[in-house]
Amino acid sequence: MGNGADFFSRDERGRRSEYVSIAPARTVNGVKGHLIKKVGDSDTHTNLPYYSNTSDVYFRQNANGVCQARVYAGQKMFLDFDWSHSHKNSDGRIFQKGVVHVQRWKQNSDGTFSRLSKNARSMNNAEMKKYGPLLKSFCPSVKFR
């Protein structure tokens, strides 16, 4: 695979990506996932990239293990599956730590992204079928509901 950074494309100025691979990519049910981290970052709460190059889903870990997955559509971030912390919606709905809550990303007219955090939801059946086995392969203890 090379030195880890090679699986990401270079940007418009030819610089290497800010992220490296922590483990080899896995493909489950035709969905490719990769565990990555930001180059030189010792903090375990680093966020995942806005854009994907080589995988459908990127994963991150914290001190407790793999804790978040970001799904990309058209190589742009689309959904976050997060189970690293408890989450409370503005309507009072609570997701316990260890249980996936799904948050959608939208791209704004100026090109920036916003995560719709106040309206997190549980994984739907189609998401569990498509992404569930991949999430379980990276984090066997994750719960979907």
Protein backbone atom coordinates (compact mmCIF):
# COMPACT_ATOMS: atom_id res chain seq x y z
CA MET A 1 0.00 0.00 0.00
CA GLY A 2 2.94 2.36 0.28
CA ASN A 3 3.55 4.82 3.06
CA GLY A 4 -0.06 5.26 4.15
CA ALA A 5 -0.66 8.71 2.71
CA ASP A 6 -0.54 7.52 -0.89
CA PHE A 7 -4.11 6.26 -0.87
CA PHE A 8 -5.38 9.86 -0.71
CA SER A 9 -5.05 12.13 -3.72
CA ARG A 10 -2.93 15.21 -3.68
CA ASP A 11 -4.71 18.54 -3.50
CA GLU A 12 -4.68 21.21 -6.21
CA ARG A 13 -1.19 22.31 -5.12
CA GLY A 14 0.25 18.80 -5.13
CA ARG A 15 0.42 18.48 -1.33
CA ARG A 16 -0.20 15.14 0.33
CA SER A 17 -3.29 14.53 2.36
CA GLU A 18 -3.52 15.40 6.03
CA TYR A 19 -4.68 11.84 6.86
CA VAL A 20 -2.97 8.45 6.99
CA SER A 21 -4.19 4.89 7.20
CA ILE A 22 -4.10 3.16 10.58
CA ALA A 23 -5.17 -0.27 9.29
CA PRO A 24 -5.81 -1.85 5.89
CA ALA A 25 -9.11 -1.07 4.19
CA ARG A 26 -11.94 -3.58 4.53
CA THR A 27 -14.80 -4.27 2.15
CA VAL A 28 -17.98 -5.81 3.55
CA ASN A 29 -21.17 -6.17 1.48
CA GLY A 30 -19.50 -4.16 -1.29
CA VAL A 31 -18.89 -1.17 1.03
CA LYS A 32 -15.25 -0.16 1.52
CA GLY A 33 -14.17 1.26 4.87
CA HIS A 34 -10.86 2.58 6.15
CA LEU A 35 -9.59 3.50 9.63
CA ILE A 36 -7.62 6.74 9.38
CA LYS A 37 -6.18 9.54 11.48
CA LYS A 38 -4.87 13.04 10.92
CA VAL A 39 -1.11 13.18 10.28
CA GLY A 40 0.88 14.13 13.36
CA ASP A 41 -2.18 14.45 15.55
CA SER A 42 -1.89 12.74 18.91
CA ASP A 43 -5.38 13.92 19.92
CA THR A 44 -7.88 11.09 19.54
CA HIS A 45 -10.83 13.42 18.86
CA THR A 46 -9.68 14.53 15.39
CA ASN A 47 -12.52 14.79 12.96
CA LEU A 48 -12.75 12.94 9.66
CA PRO A 49 -12.19 14.56 6.24
CA TYR A 50 -14.91 16.36 4.32
CA TYR A 51 -14.07 14.47 1.13
CA SER A 52 -13.30 10.84 0.36
CA ASN A 53 -10.96 9.48 -2.24
CA THR A 54 -10.57 5.75 -1.78
CA SER A 55 -13.36 4.57 0.53
CA ASP A 56 -17.11 4.77 0.93
CA VAL A 57 -16.73 5.12 4.70
CA TYR A 58 -13.88 6.43 6.86
CA PHE A 59 -13.60 5.50 10.54
CA ARG A 60 -11.88 7.21 13.44
CA GLN A 61 -10.92 5.96 16.85
CA ASN A 62 -10.47 7.46 20.28
CA ALA A 63 -8.86 6.07 23.43
CA ASN A 64 -11.71 3.53 23.72
CA GLY A 65 -11.45 2.22 20.14
CA VAL A 66 -13.30 2.87 16.90
CA CYS A 67 -16.05 5.36 17.66
CA GLN A 68 -17.31 7.08 14.51
CA ALA A 69 -17.89 6.40 10.82
CA ARG A 70 -18.44 8.96 8.08
CA VAL A 71 -20.31 7.94 4.94
CA TYR A 72 -19.60 9.74 1.67
CA ALA A 73 -21.89 10.28 -1.32
CA GLY A 74 -20.22 11.51 -4.48
CA GLN A 75 -17.01 11.73 -2.44
CA LYS A 76 -18.57 14.42 -0.17
CA MET A 77 -19.46 13.75 3.45
CA PHE A 78 -23.08 12.75 3.77
CA LEU A 79 -23.77 10.93 7.07
CA ASP A 80 -22.01 10.46 10.39
CA PHE A 81 -22.61 7.31 12.41
CA ASP A 82 -21.43 8.23 15.89
CA TRP A 83 -21.46 6.16 19.07
CA SER A 84 -18.56 7.74 20.99
CA HIS A 85 -20.74 9.79 23.35
CA SER A 86 -24.29 10.26 24.50
CA HIS A 87 -26.27 12.69 22.36
CA LYS A 88 -29.39 14.72 23.07
CA ASN A 89 -31.56 16.24 20.35
CA SER A 90 -33.34 19.56 20.79
CA ASP A 91 -36.62 17.58 21.11
CA GLY A 92 -35.20 15.75 24.15
CA ARG A 93 -34.49 12.40 22.44
CA ILE A 94 -31.37 10.84 23.94
CA PHE A 95 -28.94 8.36 22.39
CA GLN A 96 -26.76 6.52 24.89
CA LYS A 97 -23.00 6.16 24.43
CA GLY A 98 -22.32 3.00 22.42
CA VAL A 99 -25.56 3.29 20.40
CA VAL A 100 -25.29 4.78 16.90
CA HIS A 101 -26.91 8.12 16.28
CA VAL A 102 -27.02 9.30 12.68
CA GLN A 103 -26.40 12.90 11.71
CA ARG A 104 -26.72 14.19 8.17
CA TRP A 105 -24.43 16.71 6.50
CA LYS A 106 -25.63 19.27 4.00
CA GLN A 107 -23.52 21.41 1.73
CA ASN A 108 -24.39 25.10 1.91
CA SER A 109 -24.60 27.40 -1.10
CA ASP A 110 -21.18 28.86 -0.26
CA GLY A 111 -19.58 25.38 -0.40
CA THR A 112 -19.22 24.94 3.36
CA PHE A 113 -20.87 22.05 5.20
CA SER A 114 -23.28 21.99 8.13
CA ARG A 115 -24.07 18.96 10.26
CA LEU A 116 -27.71 18.69 11.27
CA SER A 117 -26.86 17.71 14.85
CA LYS A 118 -30.09 18.67 16.57
CA ASN A 119 -32.06 16.10 14.60
CA ALA A 120 -30.03 12.93 15.07
CA ARG A 121 -31.86 9.67 14.44
CA SER A 122 -31.36 5.93 14.73
CA MET A 123 -30.03 3.93 11.81
CA ASN A 124 -32.82 2.82 9.50
CA ASN A 125 -33.16 -0.78 8.30
CA ALA A 126 -31.51 -0.07 4.93
CA GLU A 127 -28.49 1.54 6.65
CA MET A 128 -28.18 -1.35 9.10
CA LYS A 129 -28.25 -3.84 6.24
CA LYS A 130 -25.76 -1.92 4.06
CA TYR A 131 -23.35 -0.46 6.64
CA GLY A 132 -24.01 -2.51 9.80
CA PRO A 133 -21.68 -5.43 8.99
CA LEU A 134 -18.85 -3.00 8.15
CA LEU A 135 -19.38 -1.06 11.39
CA LYS A 136 -19.39 -4.34 13.35
CA SER A 137 -16.15 -5.42 11.65
CA PHE A 138 -14.42 -2.28 12.95
CA CYS A 139 -16.25 -2.12 16.31
CA PRO A 140 -17.92 -5.41 17.38
CA SER A 141 -19.54 -3.79 20.43
CA VAL A 142 -21.45 -1.08 18.53
CA LYS A 143 -25.25 -1.11 18.89
CA PHE A 144 -27.63 0.12 16.21
CA ARG A 145 -30.74 0.83 18.32
